[in-house]
Protein backbone atom coordinates (compact mmCIF):
# COMPACT_ATOMS: atom_id res chain seq x y z
CA MET A 1 65.61 56.08 122.46
CA ARG A 2 66.03 57.42 118.91
CA SER A 3 64.95 60.90 119.92
CA PHE A 4 67.42 60.86 122.82
CA LEU A 5 70.29 59.90 120.47
CA LEU A 6 69.24 62.56 117.98
CA ILE A 7 69.11 65.29 120.63
CA ALA A 8 72.40 64.14 122.18
CA SER A 9 74.17 64.12 118.80
CA LEU A 10 72.81 67.58 117.97
CA ILE A 11 74.01 69.00 121.28
CA PHE A 12 77.39 67.31 120.86
CA ASN A 13 77.80 68.65 117.32
CA ILE A 14 76.73 72.17 118.22
CA TYR A 15 79.03 72.18 121.23
CA HIS A 16 82.09 71.03 119.26
CA ILE A 17 81.59 73.06 116.10
CA HIS A 18 83.69 76.18 116.21
CA ALA A 19 83.80 78.09 112.94
CA ASP A 20 85.05 81.59 112.45
CA PRO A 21 82.40 83.37 110.38
CA TRP A 22 84.85 85.90 108.95
CA GLY A 23 87.51 83.49 107.69
CA LYS A 24 91.15 84.51 107.45
CA ASP A 25 90.29 88.21 107.51
CA ALA A 26 89.37 87.93 111.18
CA ASP A 27 93.09 87.87 111.96
CA LEU A 28 93.31 91.45 110.74
CA ALA A 29 90.35 92.66 112.79
CA SER A 30 92.50 93.68 115.74
CA TYR A 31 94.64 95.86 113.47
CA HIS A 32 93.29 99.34 112.87
CA PRO A 33 95.65 101.14 110.50
CA GLN A 34 96.14 104.83 110.95
CA GLN A 35 94.49 106.44 108.02
CA ILE A 36 96.82 108.53 105.93
CA CYS A 37 94.40 111.37 105.42
CA GLU A 38 94.85 114.66 103.77
CA GLU A 39 93.45 117.63 105.57
CA THR A 40 89.69 117.79 105.43
CA VAL A 41 88.57 120.11 102.68
CA SER A 42 85.20 120.53 101.10
CA CYS A 43 84.56 118.79 97.83
CA PRO A 44 84.47 120.98 94.70
CA THR A 45 81.28 119.19 93.62
CA PRO A 46 78.83 120.23 96.36
CA PHE A 47 75.80 117.92 96.11
CA LEU A 48 77.37 114.73 94.76
CA GLY A 49 80.50 115.26 96.84
CA ALA A 50 78.50 115.62 100.06
CA PHE A 51 76.38 112.56 99.21
CA SER A 52 79.47 110.47 98.45
CA GLU A 53 81.15 111.58 101.71
CA VAL A 54 78.09 110.43 103.66
CA MET A 55 77.96 107.08 101.85
CA ILE A 56 81.70 106.41 102.22
CA GLY A 57 81.49 107.45 105.89
CA PHE A 58 78.64 104.96 106.38
CA HIS A 59 80.76 102.25 104.76
CA GLN A 60 83.77 103.06 106.94
CA LYS A 61 81.86 103.30 110.21
CA VAL A 62 79.19 100.59 109.82
CA ILE A 63 79.90 98.08 107.07
CA SER A 64 83.70 97.81 107.27
CA PRO A 65 83.90 97.08 111.03
CA ALA A 66 81.23 94.38 110.67
CA ASP A 67 82.77 92.84 107.57
CA GLY A 68 86.41 93.12 108.59
CA PRO A 69 89.37 94.71 106.83
CA ARG A 70 89.97 93.55 103.28
CA SER A 71 92.10 96.23 101.65
CA HIS A 72 95.58 95.39 100.39
CA PHE A 73 96.42 99.09 100.17
CA MET A 74 97.33 101.91 102.48
CA PRO A 75 95.26 104.06 102.71
CA SER A 76 92.26 101.80 102.29
CA SER A 77 90.31 102.02 99.04
CA SER A 78 87.39 103.83 100.66
CA GLN A 79 89.72 106.44 102.20
CA TYR A 80 91.55 106.78 98.88
CA THR A 81 88.25 107.41 97.07
CA LEU A 82 87.19 109.95 99.70
CA ASN A 83 90.53 111.79 99.45
CA ALA A 84 90.37 111.75 95.63
CA ILE A 85 86.81 113.13 95.63
CA ARG A 86 87.83 115.88 98.04
CA LYS A 87 90.87 116.79 95.94
CA TYR A 88 89.65 116.41 92.34
CA GLY A 89 85.86 116.63 92.57
CA PHE A 90 83.22 113.93 92.42
CA PHE A 91 83.54 112.69 88.85
CA GLN A 92 87.32 112.40 88.59
CA GLY A 93 87.63 111.19 92.22
CA PHE A 94 84.96 108.54 91.64
CA MET A 95 86.78 107.28 88.54
CA MET A 96 90.08 107.17 90.48
CA GLY A 97 88.32 105.18 93.23
CA CYS A 98 86.90 102.73 90.68
CA ASP A 99 90.36 102.27 89.18
CA ARG A 100 91.73 101.61 92.66
CA LEU A 101 89.04 99.01 93.38
CA MET A 102 89.89 97.20 90.16
CA ARG A 103 93.52 96.92 91.39
CA GLU A 104 92.40 95.54 94.79
CA ASN A 105 93.78 92.01 94.49
CA ASN A 106 96.74 89.84 95.47
CA ASP A 107 98.72 90.52 92.29
CA PRO A 108 102.37 91.46 92.75
CA TRP A 109 102.91 95.15 93.40
CA VAL A 110 105.84 96.80 91.65
CA TYR A 111 105.69 100.11 93.46
CA ARG A 112 106.47 101.13 97.04
CA LEU A 113 105.49 98.73 99.83
CA THR A 114 105.10 99.52 103.52
CA ARG A 115 104.49 97.48 106.66
CA ASP A 116 101.32 97.62 108.69
CA GLY A 117 101.11 97.35 112.49
CA ALA A 118 101.27 93.54 112.34
CA GLY A 119 104.42 93.61 110.18
CA ASN A 120 102.72 92.52 106.96
CA LEU A 121 103.72 94.13 103.67
CA ILE A 122 100.94 96.21 102.14
CA LYS A 123 100.76 98.31 98.97
CA TYR A 124 101.35 102.03 99.53
CA ASP A 125 99.37 104.13 97.05
CA PRO A 126 98.29 107.64 98.17
CA VAL A 127 96.22 110.03 96.09
CA PRO A 128 98.57 111.83 93.66
């Protein structure tokens, strides 16, 4: 009788537990912002630039869709870093991307804001 109650309670609990594994970011998963990209140019730093483009591309195509959108900026921080590396070279672009990642938070933004496809305000910060 105990084993029956244990199995029944396990089935009942598993059946009624519904948790979203991605949390509040899952609401944004249906939104795919249009990337504000600059024209594709080759990076002035050939080896490191090519390696960083491959790694950022892997992040954008594999990790980000599985993990869900988390950027508070437009363009996203990975796209910003990629654009900065293409425009200024690996070292300066990498430092600009690190600076951007350090500003990736919910703090108030004093510069230009824009609305995404869902109507939410997001921080607009293109590569200078």
